[in-house]
């Protein structure tokens, strides 16, 4: 009798764990279509452009025109769960932002600081 109760308990636990899933929700095609674009932010003499593609790759281009012009391009892959995007550059650098949209603008937020990008 005790073995039967333990067996039933274990089955219930396994069913519960399997039913819970990973907690990840599928990202809708509409959300992916919104995200996958070219986004740009201009701040003073600094311009940052993200090109986010539906194949899971991205390119970030940053340039400054000041006294010493600088231009940097980073590319790699990203993961998006509908709330957070995590970029991983081809050299292994990883960074994440909370993602939201305001009309046609994309907002990246990290530690309370927001960057607003416009569709280009």
C-alpha atoms as a PDB file:
ATOM      1  CA  UNK A   1       0.000   0.000   0.000  1.00  0.00           C
ATOM      2  CA  UNK A   2       2.805   2.399   0.876  1.00  0.00           C
ATOM      3  CA  UNK A   3       4.608   1.593  -2.383  1.00  0.00           C
ATOM      4  CA  UNK A   4       1.419   2.416  -4.314  1.00  0.00           C
ATOM      5  CA  UNK A   5       1.101   5.815  -2.565  1.00  0.00           C
ATOM      6  CA  UNK A   6       4.753   6.631  -3.279  1.00  0.00           C
ATOM      7  CA  UNK A   7       4.292   5.580  -6.904  1.00  0.00           C
ATOM      8  CA  UNK A   8       1.178   7.784  -7.287  1.00  0.00           C
ATOM      9  CA  UNK A   9       2.974  10.683  -5.591  1.00  0.00           C
ATOM     10  CA  UNK A  10       5.934  10.374  -7.968  1.00  0.00           C
ATOM     11  CA  UNK A  11       3.619  10.277 -11.015  1.00  0.00           C
ATOM     12  CA  UNK A  12       1.800  13.403  -9.802  1.00  0.00           C
ATOM     13  CA  UNK A  13       5.151  15.183  -9.287  1.00  0.00           C
ATOM     14  CA  UNK A  14       6.390  14.237 -12.753  1.00  0.00           C
ATOM     15  CA  UNK A  15       3.107  15.344 -14.356  1.00  0.00           C
ATOM     16  CA  UNK A  16       3.236  18.626 -12.451  1.00  0.00           C
ATOM     17  CA  UNK A  17       6.822  19.327 -13.508  1.00  0.00           C
ATOM     18  CA  UNK A  18       6.162  18.424 -17.133  1.00  0.00           C
ATOM     19  CA  UNK A  19       3.026  20.519 -17.207  1.00  0.00           C
ATOM     20  CA  UNK A  20       4.776  23.591 -15.886  1.00  0.00           C
ATOM     21  CA  UNK A  21       7.078  23.890 -18.868  1.00  0.00           C
ATOM     22  CA  UNK A  22      10.002  26.255 -18.955  1.00  0.00           C
ATOM     23  CA  UNK A  23       7.970  29.384 -18.314  1.00  0.00           C
ATOM     24  CA  UNK A  24       8.932  30.697 -21.737  1.00  0.00           C
ATOM     25  CA  UNK A  25       6.195  31.964 -23.946  1.00  0.00           C
ATOM     26  CA  UNK A  26       6.340  31.761 -27.681  1.00  0.00           C
ATOM     27  CA  UNK A  27       7.026  35.118 -29.289  1.00  0.00           C
ATOM     28  CA  UNK A  28       4.265  36.001 -31.721  1.00  0.00           C
ATOM     29  CA  UNK A  29       5.040  36.616 -35.374  1.00  0.00           C
ATOM     30  CA  UNK A  30       3.615  40.121 -34.916  1.00  0.00           C
ATOM     31  CA  UNK A  31       6.120  40.891 -32.120  1.00  0.00           C
ATOM     32  CA  UNK A  32       8.991  39.487 -34.196  1.00  0.00           C
ATOM     33  CA  UNK A  33       7.885  41.531 -37.223  1.00  0.00           C
ATOM     34  CA  UNK A  34       7.925  44.682 -35.046  1.00  0.00           C
ATOM     35  CA  UNK A  35      11.390  43.920 -33.694  1.00  0.00           C
ATOM     36  CA  UNK A  36      13.052  42.859 -36.952  1.00  0.00           C
ATOM     37  CA  UNK A  37      13.896  46.199 -38.529  1.00  0.00           C
ATOM     38  CA  UNK A  38      16.627  48.786 -38.632  1.00  0.00           C
ATOM     39  CA  UNK A  39      16.533  51.103 -35.599  1.00  0.00           C
ATOM     40  CA  UNK A  40      18.483  54.302 -35.094  1.00  0.00           C
ATOM     41  CA  UNK A  41      19.216  56.697 -32.248  1.00  0.00           C
ATOM     42  CA  UNK A  42      20.991  60.028 -32.725  1.00  0.00           C
ATOM     43  CA  UNK A  43      22.303  61.788 -29.632  1.00  0.00           C
ATOM     44  CA  UNK A  44      24.514  64.809 -30.251  1.00  0.00           C
ATOM     45  CA  UNK A  45      27.357  63.671 -32.500  1.00  0.00           C
ATOM     46  CA  UNK A  46      26.747  59.968 -31.677  1.00  0.00           C
ATOM     47  CA  UNK A  47      24.616  57.719 -33.914  1.00  0.00           C
ATOM     48  CA  UNK A  48      23.776  54.124 -33.027  1.00  0.00           C
ATOM     49  CA  UNK A  49      21.987  51.836 -35.466  1.00  0.00           C
ATOM     50  CA  UNK A  50      20.741  48.307 -34.785  1.00  0.00           C
ATOM     51  CA  UNK A  51      19.747  46.064 -37.669  1.00  0.00           C
ATOM     52  CA  UNK A  52      17.829  43.120 -36.207  1.00  0.00           C
ATOM     53  CA  UNK A  53      17.056  40.311 -38.647  1.00  0.00           C
ATOM     54  CA  UNK A  54      14.499  37.523 -38.465  1.00  0.00           C
ATOM     55  CA  UNK A  55      17.241  34.889 -38.873  1.00  0.00           C
ATOM     56  CA  UNK A  56      18.486  35.618 -35.322  1.00  0.00           C
ATOM     57  CA  UNK A  57      21.394  37.862 -36.302  1.00  0.00           C
ATOM     58  CA  UNK A  58      22.040  41.538 -35.658  1.00  0.00           C
ATOM     59  CA  UNK A  59      24.468  44.309 -36.474  1.00  0.00           C
ATOM     60  CA  UNK A  60      25.140  47.324 -34.254  1.00  0.00           C
ATOM     61  CA  UNK A  61      26.875  50.317 -35.803  1.00  0.00           C
ATOM     62  CA  UNK A  62      27.995  53.217 -33.642  1.00  0.00           C
ATOM     63  CA  UNK A  63      29.729  56.325 -34.871  1.00  0.00           C
ATOM     64  CA  UNK A  64      30.746  59.671 -33.462  1.00  0.00           C
ATOM     65  CA  UNK A  65      31.706  62.670 -35.563  1.00  0.00           C
ATOM     66  CA  UNK A  66      33.363  64.868 -32.888  1.00  0.00           C
ATOM     67  CA  UNK A  67      37.023  65.924 -32.819  1.00  0.00           C
ATOM     68  CA  UNK A  68      38.153  62.328 -33.320  1.00  0.00           C
ATOM     69  CA  UNK A  69      35.674  60.531 -35.592  1.00  0.00           C
ATOM     70  CA  UNK A  70      35.077  56.937 -34.521  1.00  0.00           C
ATOM     71  CA  UNK A  71      33.051  54.134 -36.072  1.00  0.00           C
ATOM     72  CA  UNK A  72      32.477  50.679 -34.569  1.00  0.00           C
ATOM     73  CA  UNK A  73      30.490  47.762 -35.996  1.00  0.00           C
ATOM     74  CA  UNK A  74      29.519  44.729 -33.905  1.00  0.00           C
ATOM     75  CA  UNK A  75      27.592  41.732 -35.175  1.00  0.00           C
ATOM     76  CA  UNK A  76      26.385  38.458 -33.757  1.00  0.00           C
ATOM     77  CA  UNK A  77      23.227  36.661 -32.721  1.00  0.00           C
ATOM     78  CA  UNK A  78      20.341  37.511 -30.440  1.00  0.00           C
ATOM     79  CA  UNK A  79      17.573  35.796 -28.477  1.00  0.00           C
ATOM     80  CA  UNK A  80      14.236  37.472 -27.844  1.00  0.00           C
ATOM     81  CA  UNK A  81      11.586  36.084 -25.498  1.00  0.00           C
ATOM     82  CA  UNK A  82       8.938  38.754 -26.044  1.00  0.00           C
ATOM     83  CA  UNK A  83      10.198  40.864 -23.152  1.00  0.00           C
ATOM     84  CA  UNK A  84      14.001  40.756 -23.116  1.00  0.00           C
ATOM     85  CA  UNK A  85      16.523  40.712 -25.935  1.00  0.00           C
ATOM     86  CA  UNK A  86      19.994  39.293 -25.358  1.00  0.00           C
ATOM     87  CA  UNK A  87      22.686  40.119 -27.872  1.00  0.00           C
ATOM     88  CA  UNK A  88      25.809  37.984 -28.165  1.00  0.00           C
ATOM     89  CA  UNK A  89      28.529  39.435 -30.327  1.00  0.00           C
ATOM     90  CA  UNK A  90      30.740  37.278 -32.506  1.00  0.00           C
ATOM     91  CA  UNK A  91      33.576  37.843 -30.007  1.00  0.00           C
ATOM     92  CA  UNK A  92      31.479  36.473 -27.115  1.00  0.00           C
ATOM     93  CA  UNK A  93      30.324  39.711 -25.443  1.00  0.00           C
ATOM     94  CA  UNK A  94      26.741  39.329 -24.173  1.00  0.00           C
ATOM     95  CA  UNK A  95      24.344  42.072 -23.065  1.00  0.00           C
ATOM     96  CA  UNK A  96      20.583  42.261 -22.484  1.00  0.00           C
ATOM     97  CA  UNK A  97      17.823  44.862 -22.554  1.00  0.00           C
ATOM     98  CA  UNK A  98      14.163  44.880 -21.629  1.00  0.00           C
ATOM     99  CA  UNK A  99      12.226  45.639 -24.816  1.00  0.00           C
ATOM    100  CA  UNK A 100       9.110  47.746 -25.262  1.00  0.00           C
ATOM    101  CA  UNK A 101       7.504  49.675 -28.068  1.00  0.00           C
ATOM    102  CA  UNK A 102       5.986  53.141 -28.026  1.00  0.00           C
ATOM    103  CA  UNK A 103       4.161  53.690 -31.297  1.00  0.00           C
ATOM    104  CA  UNK A 104       6.813  53.253 -33.979  1.00  0.00           C
ATOM    105  CA  UNK A 105       9.716  53.523 -31.520  1.00  0.00           C
ATOM    106  CA  UNK A 106      11.716  50.698 -29.953  1.00  0.00           C
ATOM    107  CA  UNK A 107      12.828  51.179 -26.353  1.00  0.00           C
ATOM    108  CA  UNK A 108      15.743  49.290 -24.809  1.00  0.00           C
ATOM    109  CA  UNK A 109      15.888  49.561 -21.025  1.00  0.00           C
ATOM    110  CA  UNK A 110      18.610  48.442 -18.644  1.00  0.00           C
ATOM    111  CA  UNK A 111      18.892  49.323 -14.948  1.00  0.00           C
ATOM    112  CA  UNK A 112      16.277  52.075 -15.293  1.00  0.00           C
ATOM    113  CA  UNK A 113      18.040  53.769 -18.195  1.00  0.00           C
ATOM    114  CA  UNK A 114      16.132  53.909 -21.491  1.00  0.00           C
ATOM    115  CA  UNK A 115      17.346  54.278 -25.062  1.00  0.00           C
ATOM    116  CA  UNK A 116      14.721  55.109 -27.684  1.00  0.00           C
ATOM    117  CA  UNK A 117      15.318  54.063 -31.286  1.00  0.00           C
ATOM    118  CA  UNK A 118      13.293  55.134 -34.316  1.00  0.00           C
ATOM    119  CA  UNK A 119      12.584  52.972 -37.323  1.00  0.00           C
ATOM    120  CA  UNK A 120      14.932  53.887 -40.100  1.00  0.00           C
END
